Amino acid sequence: MTLKQHGINLDISHLRAVLFFALARIPMPRTWRKVFIGLAGVNLTGKKYFIARDVQFDSMHPGNITIHNDAHIASGVRLLTHRLDTNNPDREDIHFIEGHITIGEHAFIGSGAIITGEVTIGRSAIIGAGSVVTRSVPEYEIWAGNPAKLIKKRA
């Protein structure tokens, strides 16, 4: 459902996501935070997570984010499911490509990392602090940098 007010389209699902993500940023037990993040539309599988209070989720497409059991997402991480379409032939208009982000079981995302586009973080993978991830990361690997690249495989 869309509301049109003052020439602006307001999508109800977007407003709902913004509201629940704002509530999830209030200091509270992390078990409650999980409830608000789920109500915003993020797909949470399993029962155990660590999601820091100031993680920023894409409020336009929260349903395109899946977080599996026992994933750890540190402070200041941004999960953006859309990115600019640089191959758009219409140079006068801006178009975005919608993607999906999946964070595997036991994965760790370091503080300040940015994950954008069509990305899967594999099981037990580690993303270094401040990294920019635009490609999928295989399981049991450590990636870091801007753009993120393989540092080493986990033993």
Protein backbone atom coordinates (compact mmCIF):
# COMPACT_ATOMS: atom_id res chain seq x y z
CA MET A 1 0.00 0.00 0.00
CA THR A 2 1.32 3.45 -0.91
CA LEU A 3 0.25 6.84 0.43
CA LYS A 4 0.68 9.88 -1.79
CA GLN A 5 1.14 13.08 0.16
CA HIS A 6 2.68 16.36 -1.03
CA GLY A 7 3.99 14.65 -4.18
CA ILE A 8 5.90 11.99 -2.18
CA ASN A 9 5.11 8.28 -2.32
CA LEU A 10 5.16 6.81 1.18
CA ASP A 11 5.26 3.03 1.19
CA ILE A 12 3.65 1.60 4.36
CA SER A 13 6.07 -1.36 4.50
CA HIS A 14 9.02 1.05 4.33
CA LEU A 15 7.58 3.18 7.13
CA ARG A 16 6.98 0.05 9.21
CA ALA A 17 10.60 -1.05 8.71
CA VAL A 18 11.91 2.39 9.66
CA LEU A 19 9.80 2.37 12.85
CA PHE A 20 10.89 -1.11 13.99
CA PHE A 21 14.55 -0.49 13.13
CA ALA A 22 14.40 2.73 15.18
CA LEU A 23 12.92 0.79 18.12
CA ALA A 24 15.67 -1.85 17.77
CA ARG A 25 18.30 0.88 18.36
CA ILE A 26 16.96 1.69 21.83
CA PRO A 27 19.05 0.11 24.62
CA MET A 28 17.37 -3.19 25.47
CA PRO A 29 18.20 -6.87 25.94
CA ARG A 30 19.39 -8.35 22.66
CA THR A 31 16.60 -10.94 22.71
CA TRP A 32 14.10 -8.08 22.40
CA ARG A 33 16.16 -6.42 19.64
CA LYS A 34 15.79 -9.63 17.61
CA VAL A 35 11.99 -9.28 17.83
CA PHE A 36 11.98 -5.70 16.46
CA ILE A 37 14.42 -6.59 13.67
CA GLY A 38 12.18 -9.50 12.70
CA LEU A 39 9.08 -7.29 12.77
CA ALA A 40 10.87 -4.85 10.45
CA GLY A 41 11.05 -7.67 7.90
CA VAL A 42 14.53 -9.20 8.25
CA ASN A 43 14.52 -13.01 7.96
CA LEU A 44 16.02 -14.48 11.13
CA THR A 45 16.55 -18.25 11.13
CA GLY A 46 17.34 -20.00 14.38
CA LYS A 47 17.24 -18.62 17.90
CA LYS A 48 20.69 -17.29 18.79
CA TYR A 49 22.28 -14.10 17.37
CA PHE A 50 24.37 -11.16 18.39
CA ILE A 51 23.30 -8.02 16.57
CA ALA A 52 24.76 -4.77 17.96
CA ARG A 53 22.42 -1.91 18.73
CA ASP A 54 23.65 0.41 15.97
CA VAL A 55 23.59 -1.99 13.02
CA GLN A 56 21.92 -0.29 10.05
CA PHE A 57 19.62 -2.40 7.88
CA ASP A 58 18.28 -1.46 4.46
CA SER A 59 14.76 -0.25 5.26
CA MET A 60 13.68 -0.32 1.59
CA HIS A 61 14.05 -4.11 1.25
CA PRO A 62 14.49 -5.65 4.73
CA GLY A 63 12.94 -8.92 3.54
CA ASN A 64 15.99 -9.40 1.30
CA ILE A 65 18.23 -9.85 4.35
CA THR A 66 18.59 -13.30 5.93
CA ILE A 67 20.61 -13.89 9.08
CA HIS A 68 21.25 -17.47 10.13
CA ASN A 69 21.71 -18.92 13.61
CA ASP A 70 24.62 -17.76 15.81
CA ALA A 71 25.74 -14.97 13.46
CA HIS A 72 27.57 -12.06 15.11
CA ILE A 73 27.16 -8.56 13.67
CA ALA A 74 29.28 -5.94 15.43
CA SER A 75 28.70 -2.24 16.01
CA GLY A 76 28.27 0.12 13.06
CA VAL A 77 27.72 -2.51 10.36
CA ARG A 78 25.56 -1.49 7.36
CA LEU A 79 23.57 -4.04 5.37
CA LEU A 80 22.37 -2.51 2.08
CA THR A 81 20.38 -4.71 -0.29
CA HIS A 82 20.38 -2.25 -3.18
CA ARG A 83 23.13 -0.63 -5.20
CA LEU A 84 23.41 1.86 -8.02
CA ASP A 85 22.94 0.46 -11.52
CA THR A 86 25.99 1.84 -13.34
CA ASN A 87 25.04 0.03 -16.59
CA ASN A 88 21.76 1.93 -16.95
CA PRO A 89 21.64 3.43 -20.46
CA ASP A 90 19.46 6.32 -19.26
CA ARG A 91 22.12 8.69 -17.94
CA GLU A 92 19.55 11.24 -16.82
CA ASP A 93 17.86 8.93 -14.32
CA ILE A 94 19.16 6.97 -11.35
CA HIS A 95 18.27 3.28 -11.09
CA PHE A 96 19.04 0.82 -8.33
CA ILE A 97 19.57 -2.93 -8.49
CA GLU A 98 17.92 -4.90 -5.72
CA GLY A 99 19.98 -7.70 -4.17
CA HIS A 100 19.83 -10.21 -1.32
CA ILE A 101 22.18 -10.49 1.64
CA THR A 102 22.58 -13.79 3.47
CA ILE A 103 24.75 -14.13 6.55
CA GLY A 104 25.60 -17.75 7.30
CA GLU A 105 25.70 -19.62 10.57
CA HIS A 106 28.52 -18.68 12.96
CA ALA A 107 29.68 -15.85 10.66
CA PHE A 108 31.26 -12.76 12.21
CA ILE A 109 30.93 -9.28 10.69
CA GLY A 110 33.45 -6.80 12.16
CA SER A 111 32.67 -3.29 13.33
CA GLY A 112 31.92 -0.71 10.64
CA ALA A 113 31.76 -3.17 7.74
CA ILE A 114 29.50 -2.38 4.79
CA ILE A 115 27.82 -5.23 2.93
CA THR A 116 25.99 -4.30 -0.24
CA GLY A 117 24.44 -5.90 -3.31
CA GLU A 118 23.91 -9.60 -3.94
CA VAL A 119 26.13 -11.10 -1.21
CA THR A 120 26.29 -14.33 0.77
CA ILE A 121 28.60 -14.51 3.76
CA GLY A 122 29.36 -18.21 4.18
CA ARG A 123 29.22 -20.34 7.30
CA SER A 124 31.89 -19.38 9.89
CA ALA A 125 33.33 -16.67 7.62
CA ILE A 126 34.90 -13.57 9.18
CA ILE A 127 34.63 -10.06 7.74
CA GLY A 128 37.24 -7.61 9.04
CA ALA A 129 36.32 -4.30 10.66
CA GLY A 130 35.70 -1.48 8.18
CA SER A 131 35.57 -3.79 5.16
CA VAL A 132 33.38 -3.15 2.13
CA VAL A 133 31.91 -6.42 0.87
CA THR A 134 30.39 -6.45 -2.63
CA ARG A 135 31.01 -10.13 -3.50
CA SER A 136 30.04 -13.38 -1.82
CA VAL A 137 32.44 -14.78 0.78
CA PRO A 138 32.88 -18.58 0.88
CA GLU A 139 32.53 -20.41 4.16
CA TYR A 140 35.50 -20.61 6.56
CA GLU A 141 37.37 -17.69 5.00
CA ILE A 142 38.58 -14.38 6.41
CA TRP A 143 38.06 -11.33 4.20
CA ALA A 144 39.00 -7.70 4.83
CA GLY A 145 39.70 -4.42 3.05
CA ASN A 146 38.05 -2.02 0.65
CA PRO A 147 37.01 -3.79 -1.48
CA ALA A 148 37.12 -6.88 0.70
CA LYS A 149 39.38 -9.69 -0.48
CA LEU A 150 40.58 -13.02 0.85
CA ILE A 151 43.10 -12.73 3.68
CA LYS A 152 43.30 -16.42 4.56
CA LYS A 153 41.26 -19.56 5.02
CA ARG A 154 40.30 -20.59 8.54
CA ALA A 155 41.87 -23.76 9.88
